Amino acid sequence: MIGAILLLGFVTAERLAELVLARRNTAQLIGQGAVEFAPEHYRLVVALHAIWLGGLWLIAWNRPIEWAWLALFAALQVLRVWVLATLGPCWTTRIIILPGAPLVTNGPYRFLKHPNYTVVAGEIAVLPLVFGLPLYAVAFSILNGIVLYIRISAENAALKGASNT
């Protein structure tokens, strides 16, 4: 039980810290002339993640941890840090485009167009599996897939528009 609480506490603290970082980076980018694209879907992203994590707190806080899945989740955290470090002050939870800024092509972006979303999709699926909740993992993976389709479509359109200017 204490392991589940510590893990959920870690993920909650991580997400809250990322929101603070994202807000700071967004403000700095906007101050440099960046523009936000497709803000209308952002509430959907936040709601999905809040419900996913809140639901895990409700049903998994006292469940045993499956260590193999925890190892995979830990590997995803390493990838998350790599993405954040690669993007640096350009990382945000919103779609923010700074006109004239080059597209990031180093770090994990050498291998994937959207590595952050790959990590998020993995986390949405793997964390419930750490607690032995495969149906929860499948349900939220499907919902996340829908949200990511909307998000990635909007981001690709924004990036394409930015490269045409």
N, C-alpha and C. Protein backbone atom coordinates (compact mmCIF):
# COMPACT_ATOMS: atom_id res chain seq x y z
N MET A 1 0.82 -1.20 0.00
CA MET A 1 0.00 0.00 0.00
C MET A 1 0.86 1.26 0.00
N ILE A 2 1.92 1.29 0.81
CA ILE A 2 2.75 2.49 0.88
C ILE A 2 3.45 2.73 -0.45
N GLY A 3 3.82 1.65 -1.14
CA GLY A 3 4.46 1.78 -2.45
C GLY A 3 3.52 2.44 -3.46
N ALA A 4 2.26 2.05 -3.45
CA ALA A 4 1.29 2.64 -4.37
C ALA A 4 1.09 4.12 -4.06
N ILE A 5 1.00 4.45 -2.79
CA ILE A 5 0.81 5.85 -2.40
C ILE A 5 2.04 6.68 -2.80
N LEU A 6 3.23 6.15 -2.57
CA LEU A 6 4.45 6.87 -2.95
C LEU A 6 4.53 7.07 -4.46
N LEU A 7 4.19 6.05 -5.22
CA LEU A 7 4.25 6.15 -6.67
C LEU A 7 3.21 7.15 -7.19
N LEU A 8 2.00 7.06 -6.70
CA LEU A 8 0.97 8.01 -7.12
C LEU A 8 1.32 9.43 -6.68
N GLY A 9 1.91 9.55 -5.50
CA GLY A 9 2.36 10.87 -5.05
C GLY A 9 3.45 11.43 -5.95
N PHE A 10 4.37 10.57 -6.36
CA PHE A 10 5.44 10.99 -7.28
C PHE A 10 4.85 11.48 -8.60
N VAL A 11 3.95 10.70 -9.17
CA VAL A 11 3.36 11.07 -10.47
C VAL A 11 2.56 12.36 -10.34
N THR A 12 1.84 12.50 -9.25
CA THR A 12 1.06 13.73 -9.03
C THR A 12 1.99 14.93 -8.91
N ALA A 13 3.04 14.81 -8.12
CA ALA A 13 3.99 15.91 -7.95
C ALA A 13 4.67 16.23 -9.28
N GLU A 14 5.01 15.21 -10.03
CA GLU A 14 5.64 15.40 -11.34
C GLU A 14 4.72 16.18 -12.27
N ARG A 15 3.46 15.78 -12.32
CA ARG A 15 2.50 16.47 -13.20
C ARG A 15 2.28 17.92 -12.77
N LEU A 16 2.19 18.15 -11.48
CA LEU A 16 2.01 19.53 -11.00
C LEU A 16 3.24 20.38 -11.31
N ALA A 17 4.42 19.82 -11.12
CA ALA A 17 5.65 20.55 -11.44
C ALA A 17 5.72 20.85 -12.93
N GLU A 18 5.28 19.91 -13.74
CA GLU A 18 5.29 20.14 -15.19
C GLU A 18 4.31 21.25 -15.58
N LEU A 19 3.19 21.31 -14.90
CA LEU A 19 2.24 22.40 -15.19
C LEU A 19 2.84 23.75 -14.85
N VAL A 20 3.56 23.83 -13.74
CA VAL A 20 4.24 25.08 -13.37
C VAL A 20 5.29 25.44 -14.43
N LEU A 21 6.12 24.46 -14.81
CA LEU A 21 7.14 24.67 -15.83
C LEU A 21 6.50 25.09 -17.15
N ALA A 22 5.45 24.41 -17.54
CA ALA A 22 4.78 24.72 -18.80
C ALA A 22 4.20 26.13 -18.80
N ARG A 23 3.62 26.52 -17.68
CA ARG A 23 3.06 27.87 -17.58
C ARG A 23 4.17 28.92 -17.72
N ARG A 24 5.28 28.68 -17.05
CA ARG A 24 6.41 29.61 -17.13
C ARG A 24 6.95 29.69 -18.56
N ASN A 25 7.17 28.52 -19.17
CA ASN A 25 7.69 28.49 -20.54
C ASN A 25 6.71 29.14 -21.52
N THR A 26 5.42 28.87 -21.35
CA THR A 26 4.41 29.47 -22.22
C THR A 26 4.46 30.99 -22.13
N ALA A 27 4.52 31.52 -20.92
CA ALA A 27 4.56 32.98 -20.73
C ALA A 27 5.81 33.57 -21.39
N GLN A 28 6.94 32.90 -21.24
CA GLN A 28 8.17 33.40 -21.85
C GLN A 28 8.09 33.37 -23.37
N LEU A 29 7.54 32.29 -23.91
CA LEU A 29 7.41 32.18 -25.36
C LEU A 29 6.46 33.23 -25.92
N ILE A 30 5.33 33.42 -25.25
CA ILE A 30 4.36 34.44 -25.68
C ILE A 30 5.04 35.82 -25.62
N GLY A 31 5.83 36.05 -24.60
CA GLY A 31 6.56 37.30 -24.47
C GLY A 31 7.56 37.53 -25.59
N GLN A 32 8.01 36.45 -26.22
CA GLN A 32 8.94 36.54 -27.34
C GLN A 32 8.22 36.62 -28.68
N GLY A 33 6.88 36.64 -28.63
CA GLY A 33 6.11 36.74 -29.88
C GLY A 33 5.49 35.45 -30.36
N ALA A 34 5.56 34.40 -29.55
CA ALA A 34 4.95 33.13 -29.93
C ALA A 34 3.43 33.24 -29.90
N VAL A 35 2.78 32.32 -30.59
CA VAL A 35 1.32 32.30 -30.70
C VAL A 35 0.82 30.91 -30.31
N GLU A 36 -0.28 30.87 -29.58
CA GLU A 36 -0.90 29.59 -29.23
C GLU A 36 -1.87 29.19 -30.33
N PHE A 37 -1.84 27.90 -30.68
CA PHE A 37 -2.74 27.36 -31.68
C PHE A 37 -3.68 26.34 -31.04
N ALA A 38 -4.89 26.30 -31.53
CA ALA A 38 -5.91 25.31 -31.14
C ALA A 38 -6.09 25.18 -29.63
N PRO A 39 -6.29 26.30 -28.92
CA PRO A 39 -6.43 26.20 -27.46
C PRO A 39 -7.73 25.54 -27.03
N GLU A 40 -8.68 25.40 -27.93
CA GLU A 40 -9.99 24.87 -27.56
C GLU A 40 -9.95 23.42 -27.08
N HIS A 41 -8.98 22.66 -27.50
CA HIS A 41 -8.93 21.25 -27.06
C HIS A 41 -8.13 21.06 -25.77
N TYR A 42 -7.47 22.10 -25.28
CA TYR A 42 -6.58 21.96 -24.12
C TYR A 42 -7.34 21.47 -22.88
N ARG A 43 -8.54 21.95 -22.68
CA ARG A 43 -9.33 21.49 -21.52
C ARG A 43 -9.57 19.99 -21.57
N LEU A 44 -9.74 19.46 -22.77
CA LEU A 44 -9.93 18.02 -22.94
C LEU A 44 -8.69 17.25 -22.51
N VAL A 45 -7.52 17.76 -22.87
CA VAL A 45 -6.25 17.13 -22.47
C VAL A 45 -6.13 17.13 -20.94
N VAL A 46 -6.37 18.29 -20.34
CA VAL A 46 -6.26 18.41 -18.88
C VAL A 46 -7.28 17.51 -18.18
N ALA A 47 -8.50 17.51 -18.68
CA ALA A 47 -9.56 16.69 -18.06
C ALA A 47 -9.20 15.20 -18.13
N LEU A 48 -8.73 14.74 -19.27
CA LEU A 48 -8.36 13.34 -19.41
C LEU A 48 -7.29 12.96 -18.40
N HIS A 49 -6.25 13.77 -18.30
CA HIS A 49 -5.15 13.45 -17.39
C HIS A 49 -5.60 13.53 -15.92
N ALA A 50 -6.43 14.51 -15.61
CA ALA A 50 -6.91 14.65 -14.23
C ALA A 50 -7.80 13.47 -13.84
N ILE A 51 -8.67 13.06 -14.73
CA ILE A 51 -9.56 11.93 -14.44
C ILE A 51 -8.76 10.63 -14.35
N TRP A 52 -7.80 10.46 -15.25
CA TRP A 52 -6.93 9.28 -15.24
C TRP A 52 -6.20 9.16 -13.90
N LEU A 53 -5.53 10.25 -13.50
CA LEU A 53 -4.76 10.21 -12.26
C LEU A 53 -5.66 10.16 -11.04
N GLY A 54 -6.73 10.94 -11.04
CA GLY A 54 -7.68 10.91 -9.93
C GLY A 54 -8.29 9.53 -9.74
N GLY A 55 -8.64 8.89 -10.85
CA GLY A 55 -9.18 7.54 -10.78
C GLY A 55 -8.19 6.55 -10.21
N LEU A 56 -6.92 6.71 -10.58
CA LEU A 56 -5.89 5.83 -10.01
C LEU A 56 -5.77 6.04 -8.51
N TRP A 57 -5.85 7.28 -8.07
CA TRP A 57 -5.83 7.53 -6.62
C TRP A 57 -7.00 6.83 -5.94
N LEU A 58 -8.15 6.83 -6.57
CA LEU A 58 -9.34 6.22 -5.96
C LEU A 58 -9.26 4.70 -5.89
N ILE A 59 -8.74 4.07 -6.95
CA ILE A 59 -8.82 2.61 -6.99
C ILE A 59 -7.49 1.88 -6.84
N ALA A 60 -6.37 2.61 -6.90
CA ALA A 60 -5.08 1.91 -6.88
C ALA A 60 -4.22 2.23 -5.67
N TRP A 61 -4.64 3.14 -4.82
CA TRP A 61 -3.79 3.60 -3.71
C TRP A 61 -3.37 2.47 -2.76
N ASN A 62 -4.16 1.40 -2.72
CA ASN A 62 -3.85 0.31 -1.80
C ASN A 62 -3.53 -1.00 -2.51
N ARG A 63 -3.23 -0.92 -3.79
CA ARG A 63 -2.96 -2.14 -4.57
C ARG A 63 -1.46 -2.46 -4.56
N PRO A 64 -1.15 -3.73 -4.74
CA PRO A 64 0.27 -4.10 -4.83
C PRO A 64 0.86 -3.61 -6.15
N ILE A 65 2.17 -3.46 -6.15
CA ILE A 65 2.89 -3.00 -7.34
C ILE A 65 3.45 -4.20 -8.09
N GLU A 66 3.27 -4.19 -9.40
CA GLU A 66 3.88 -5.21 -10.25
C GLU A 66 5.19 -4.64 -10.78
N TRP A 67 6.30 -5.22 -10.32
CA TRP A 67 7.62 -4.63 -10.49
C TRP A 67 8.08 -4.54 -11.93
N ALA A 68 7.72 -5.50 -12.77
CA ALA A 68 8.14 -5.44 -14.17
C ALA A 68 7.52 -4.21 -14.85
N TRP A 69 6.25 -3.95 -14.56
CA TRP A 69 5.59 -2.77 -15.14
C TRP A 69 6.18 -1.49 -14.55
N LEU A 70 6.56 -1.53 -13.28
CA LEU A 70 7.17 -0.36 -12.66
C LEU A 70 8.51 -0.05 -13.34
N ALA A 71 9.26 -1.06 -13.70
CA ALA A 71 10.53 -0.85 -14.41
C ALA A 71 10.28 -0.18 -15.76
N LEU A 72 9.24 -0.60 -16.46
CA LEU A 72 8.90 0.04 -17.74
C LEU A 72 8.46 1.48 -17.52
N PHE A 73 7.69 1.71 -16.47
CA PHE A 73 7.26 3.08 -16.15
C PHE A 73 8.47 3.95 -15.83
N ALA A 74 9.43 3.40 -15.11
CA ALA A 74 10.66 4.15 -14.79
C ALA A 74 11.42 4.50 -16.08
N ALA A 75 11.46 3.57 -17.01
CA ALA A 75 12.13 3.84 -18.30
C ALA A 75 11.41 4.97 -19.04
N LEU A 76 10.10 5.00 -18.95
CA LEU A 76 9.34 6.09 -19.58
C LEU A 76 9.67 7.43 -18.93
N GLN A 77 9.97 7.42 -17.64
CA GLN A 77 10.33 8.67 -16.96
C GLN A 77 11.67 9.19 -17.47
N VAL A 78 12.58 8.28 -17.75
CA VAL A 78 13.86 8.67 -18.32
C VAL A 78 13.63 9.32 -19.69
N LEU A 79 12.78 8.72 -20.49
CA LEU A 79 12.46 9.30 -21.81
C LEU A 79 11.78 10.65 -21.66
N ARG A 80 10.91 10.79 -20.66
CA ARG A 80 10.23 12.07 -20.40
C ARG A 80 11.27 13.16 -20.10
N VAL A 81 12.23 12.85 -19.25
CA VAL A 81 13.27 13.83 -18.92
C VAL A 81 14.08 14.18 -20.16
N TRP A 82 14.35 13.21 -21.02
CA TRP A 82 15.09 13.46 -22.26
C TRP A 82 14.33 14.44 -23.15
N VAL A 83 13.03 14.24 -23.28
CA VAL A 83 12.20 15.15 -24.08
C VAL A 83 12.24 16.56 -23.48
N LEU A 84 12.00 16.65 -22.17
CA LEU A 84 12.00 17.96 -21.51
C LEU A 84 13.36 18.67 -21.66
N ALA A 85 14.43 17.93 -21.48
CA ALA A 85 15.77 18.51 -21.59
C ALA A 85 16.05 18.96 -23.03
N THR A 86 15.58 18.20 -23.99
CA THR A 86 15.80 18.54 -25.39
C THR A 86 15.06 19.82 -25.77
N LEU A 87 13.82 19.94 -25.33
CA LEU A 87 13.03 21.12 -25.68
C LEU A 87 13.37 22.32 -24.81
N GLY A 88 13.85 22.08 -23.60
CA GLY A 88 14.22 23.17 -22.71
C GLY A 88 13.10 24.18 -22.54
N PRO A 89 13.38 25.47 -22.74
CA PRO A 89 12.38 26.51 -22.52
C PRO A 89 11.26 26.52 -23.56
N CYS A 90 11.36 25.66 -24.56
CA CYS A 90 10.30 25.57 -25.58
C CYS A 90 9.25 24.53 -25.21
N TRP A 91 9.52 23.73 -24.16
CA TRP A 91 8.55 22.70 -23.77
C TRP A 91 7.36 23.36 -23.07
N THR A 92 6.18 22.96 -23.48
CA THR A 92 4.95 23.45 -22.86
C THR A 92 3.85 22.42 -23.08
N THR A 93 2.78 22.54 -22.34
CA THR A 93 1.66 21.61 -22.50
C THR A 93 0.66 22.12 -23.54
N ARG A 94 0.90 23.28 -24.06
CA ARG A 94 0.03 23.86 -25.09
C ARG A 94 0.76 23.83 -26.43
N ILE A 95 0.03 24.13 -27.49
CA ILE A 95 0.65 24.22 -28.81
C ILE A 95 1.05 25.68 -29.00
N ILE A 96 2.34 25.95 -28.82
CA ILE A 96 2.88 27.30 -28.89
C ILE A 96 3.93 27.31 -30.01
N ILE A 97 3.74 28.22 -30.96
CA ILE A 97 4.67 28.33 -32.08
C ILE A 97 5.35 29.69 -32.02
N LEU A 98 6.66 29.66 -32.02
CA LEU A 98 7.45 30.88 -32.07
C LEU A 98 7.89 31.09 -33.51
N PRO A 99 7.33 32.10 -34.18
CA PRO A 99 7.67 32.33 -35.59
C PRO A 99 9.18 32.45 -35.80
N GLY A 100 9.66 31.76 -36.82
CA GLY A 100 11.07 31.81 -37.15
C GLY A 100 11.94 30.84 -36.38
N ALA A 101 11.41 30.25 -35.34
CA ALA A 101 12.21 29.29 -34.56
C ALA A 101 12.33 27.98 -35.35
N PRO A 102 13.52 27.40 -35.36
CA PRO A 102 13.68 26.13 -36.10
C PRO A 102 12.98 24.98 -35.37
N LEU A 103 12.56 24.01 -36.14
CA LEU A 103 11.96 22.81 -35.58
C LEU A 103 13.04 22.00 -34.87
N VAL A 104 12.74 21.50 -33.70
CA VAL A 104 13.71 20.70 -32.95
C VAL A 104 13.88 19.35 -33.63
N THR A 105 15.12 18.99 -33.92
CA THR A 105 15.41 17.73 -34.61
C THR A 105 16.50 16.92 -33.92
N ASN A 106 16.87 17.32 -32.71
CA ASN A 106 17.89 16.56 -31.98
C ASN A 106 17.24 15.78 -30.84
N GLY A 107 18.05 15.11 -30.05
CA GLY A 107 17.51 14.30 -28.95
C GLY A 107 16.56 13.24 -29.48
N PRO A 108 15.47 12.99 -28.76
CA PRO A 108 14.54 11.96 -29.22
C PRO A 108 13.80 12.34 -30.50
N TYR A 109 13.86 13.62 -30.87
CA TYR A 109 13.22 14.08 -32.10
C TYR A 109 13.97 13.60 -33.34
N ARG A 110 15.14 13.04 -33.17
CA ARG A 110 15.86 12.40 -34.28
C ARG A 110 15.15 11.12 -34.70
N PHE A 111 14.43 10.52 -33.75
CA PHE A 111 13.83 9.21 -33.99
C PHE A 111 12.32 9.25 -34.16
N LEU A 112 11.68 10.21 -33.51
CA LEU A 112 10.21 10.30 -33.53
C LEU A 112 9.81 11.75 -33.75
N LYS A 113 8.71 11.94 -34.46
CA LYS A 113 8.21 13.30 -34.67
C LYS A 113 7.60 13.87 -33.39
N HIS A 114 6.95 13.03 -32.62
CA HIS A 114 6.29 13.48 -31.39
C HIS A 114 6.66 12.56 -30.22
N PRO A 115 7.91 12.57 -29.77
CA PRO A 115 8.29 11.65 -28.69
C PRO A 115 7.57 11.92 -27.37
N ASN A 116 7.20 13.16 -27.10
CA ASN A 116 6.49 13.46 -25.86
C ASN A 116 5.16 12.71 -25.81
N TYR A 117 4.46 12.68 -26.93
CA TYR A 117 3.16 12.00 -26.96
C TYR A 117 3.34 10.48 -26.89
N THR A 118 4.45 9.98 -27.39
CA THR A 118 4.75 8.56 -27.26
C THR A 118 4.93 8.21 -25.79
N VAL A 119 5.67 9.05 -25.08
CA VAL A 119 5.88 8.84 -23.64
C VAL A 119 4.55 8.91 -22.90
N VAL A 120 3.76 9.92 -23.19
CA VAL A 120 2.46 10.08 -22.51
C VAL A 120 1.57 8.87 -22.77
N ALA A 121 1.52 8.41 -24.02
CA ALA A 121 0.69 7.24 -24.34
C ALA A 121 1.18 6.02 -23.55
N GLY A 122 2.49 5.88 -23.44
CA GLY A 122 3.04 4.78 -22.65
C GLY A 122 2.67 4.89 -21.19
N GLU A 123 2.77 6.09 -20.63
CA GLU A 123 2.44 6.29 -19.22
C GLU A 123 0.97 6.01 -18.94
N ILE A 124 0.10 6.49 -19.81
CA ILE A 124 -1.34 6.28 -19.63
C ILE A 124 -1.65 4.79 -19.57
N ALA A 125 -0.95 4.00 -20.38
CA ALA A 125 -1.17 2.56 -20.39
C ALA A 125 -0.44 1.83 -19.27
N VAL A 126 0.81 2.21 -19.03
CA VAL A 126 1.67 1.42 -18.13
C VAL A 126 1.37 1.64 -16.65
N LEU A 127 1.11 2.88 -16.25
CA LEU A 127 0.90 3.10 -14.81
C LEU A 127 -0.27 2.27 -14.26
N PRO A 128 -1.40 2.18 -14.93
CA PRO A 128 -2.44 1.29 -14.40
C PRO A 128 -1.99 -0.18 -14.34
N LEU A 129 -1.13 -0.58 -15.28
CA LEU A 129 -0.64 -1.96 -15.27
C LEU A 129 0.28 -2.21 -14.09
N VAL A 130 0.97 -1.17 -13.62
CA VAL A 130 1.79 -1.30 -12.41
C VAL A 130 0.92 -1.78 -11.25
N PHE A 131 -0.35 -1.37 -11.25
CA PHE A 131 -1.29 -1.72 -10.18
C PHE A 131 -2.20 -2.88 -10.55
N GLY A 132 -1.92 -3.55 -11.67
CA GLY A 132 -2.72 -4.70 -12.08
C GLY A 132 -4.10 -4.32 -12.57
N LEU A 133 -4.20 -3.22 -13.30
CA LEU A 133 -5.49 -2.72 -13.78
C LEU A 133 -5.51 -2.66 -15.32
N PRO A 134 -5.55 -3.83 -15.98
CA PRO A 134 -5.48 -3.83 -17.45
C PRO A 134 -6.69 -3.17 -18.13
N LEU A 135 -7.88 -3.33 -17.60
CA LEU A 135 -9.04 -2.70 -18.22
C LEU A 135 -8.98 -1.18 -18.12
N TYR A 136 -8.48 -0.68 -17.01
CA TYR A 136 -8.27 0.76 -16.83
C TYR A 136 -7.26 1.25 -17.86
N ALA A 137 -6.19 0.49 -18.04
CA ALA A 137 -5.16 0.85 -19.02
C ALA A 137 -5.75 0.91 -20.43
N VAL A 138 -6.54 -0.07 -20.79
CA VAL A 138 -7.13 -0.11 -22.13
C VAL A 138 -8.12 1.04 -22.31
N ALA A 139 -8.99 1.24 -21.35
CA ALA A 139 -10.01 2.30 -21.47
C ALA A 139 -9.36 3.67 -21.63
N PHE A 140 -8.39 3.97 -20.78
CA PHE A 140 -7.76 5.29 -20.87
C PHE A 140 -6.82 5.40 -22.07
N SER A 141 -6.28 4.30 -22.52
CA SER A 141 -5.47 4.34 -23.74
C SER A 141 -6.33 4.68 -24.95
N ILE A 142 -7.53 4.14 -24.99
CA ILE A 142 -8.45 4.47 -26.09
C ILE A 142 -8.84 5.94 -26.03
N LEU A 143 -9.22 6.41 -24.85
CA LEU A 143 -9.58 7.83 -24.69
C LEU A 143 -8.39 8.73 -25.03
N ASN A 144 -7.21 8.35 -24.56
CA ASN A 144 -6.01 9.13 -24.86
C ASN A 144 -5.71 9.12 -26.35
N GLY A 145 -5.93 8.01 -27.01
CA GLY A 145 -5.73 7.93 -28.45
C GLY A 145 -6.61 8.92 -29.20
N ILE A 146 -7.85 9.06 -28.75
CA ILE A 146 -8.77 10.02 -29.37
C ILE A 146 -8.26 11.45 -29.14
N VAL A 147 -7.89 11.75 -27.91
CA VAL A 147 -7.40 13.09 -27.58
C VAL A 147 -6.09 13.37 -28.33
N LEU A 148 -5.20 12.40 -28.40
CA LEU A 148 -3.94 12.61 -29.11
C LEU A 148 -4.16 12.80 -30.61
N TYR A 149 -5.14 12.14 -31.17
CA TYR A 149 -5.46 12.35 -32.58
C TYR A 149 -5.83 13.82 -32.82
N ILE A 150 -6.68 14.35 -31.96
CA ILE A 150 -7.08 15.76 -32.06
C ILE A 150 -5.85 16.65 -31.86
N ARG A 151 -5.09 16.37 -30.84
CA ARG A 151 -3.93 17.18 -30.48
C ARG A 151 -2.86 17.16 -31.56
N ILE A 152 -2.49 15.99 -32.01
CA ILE A 152 -1.42 15.88 -33.01
C ILE A 152 -1.85 16.47 -34.34
N SER A 153 -3.11 16.30 -34.70
CA SER A 153 -3.61 16.93 -35.93
C SER A 153 -3.49 18.44 -35.85
N ALA A 154 -3.87 19.00 -34.70
CA ALA A 154 -3.78 20.46 -34.51
C ALA A 154 -2.33 20.91 -34.50
N GLU A 155 -1.47 20.16 -33.84
CA GLU A 155 -0.05 20.54 -33.76
C GLU A 155 0.62 20.45 -35.13
N ASN A 156 0.34 19.39 -35.87
CA ASN A 156 0.92 19.27 -37.21
C ASN A 156 0.46 20.40 -38.11
N ALA A 157 -0.81 20.78 -38.03
CA ALA A 157 -1.31 21.88 -38.83
C ALA A 157 -0.62 23.20 -38.44
N ALA A 158 -0.43 23.40 -37.15
CA ALA A 158 0.25 24.62 -36.68
C ALA A 158 1.70 24.64 -37.15
N LEU A 159 2.38 23.50 -37.05
CA LEU A 159 3.77 23.44 -37.48
C LEU A 159 3.89 23.64 -38.99
N LYS A 160 2.95 23.05 -39.73
CA LYS A 160 2.97 23.21 -41.18
C LYS A 160 2.73 24.67 -41.55
N GLY A 161 1.78 25.29 -40.88
CA GLY A 161 1.51 26.72 -41.14
C GLY A 161 2.69 27.58 -40.79
N ALA A 162 3.40 27.23 -39.73
CA ALA A 162 4.57 28.01 -39.31
C ALA A 162 5.71 27.86 -40.30
N SER A 163 5.85 26.68 -40.89
CA SER A 163 6.94 26.49 -41.84
C SER A 163 6.65 27.15 -43.17
N ASN A 164 5.37 27.47 -43.44
CA ASN A 164 5.01 28.13 -44.70
C ASN A 164 5.14 29.64 -44.60
N THR A 165 5.37 30.16 -43.41
CA THR A 165 5.46 31.62 -43.27
C THR A 165 6.89 32.11 -43.29
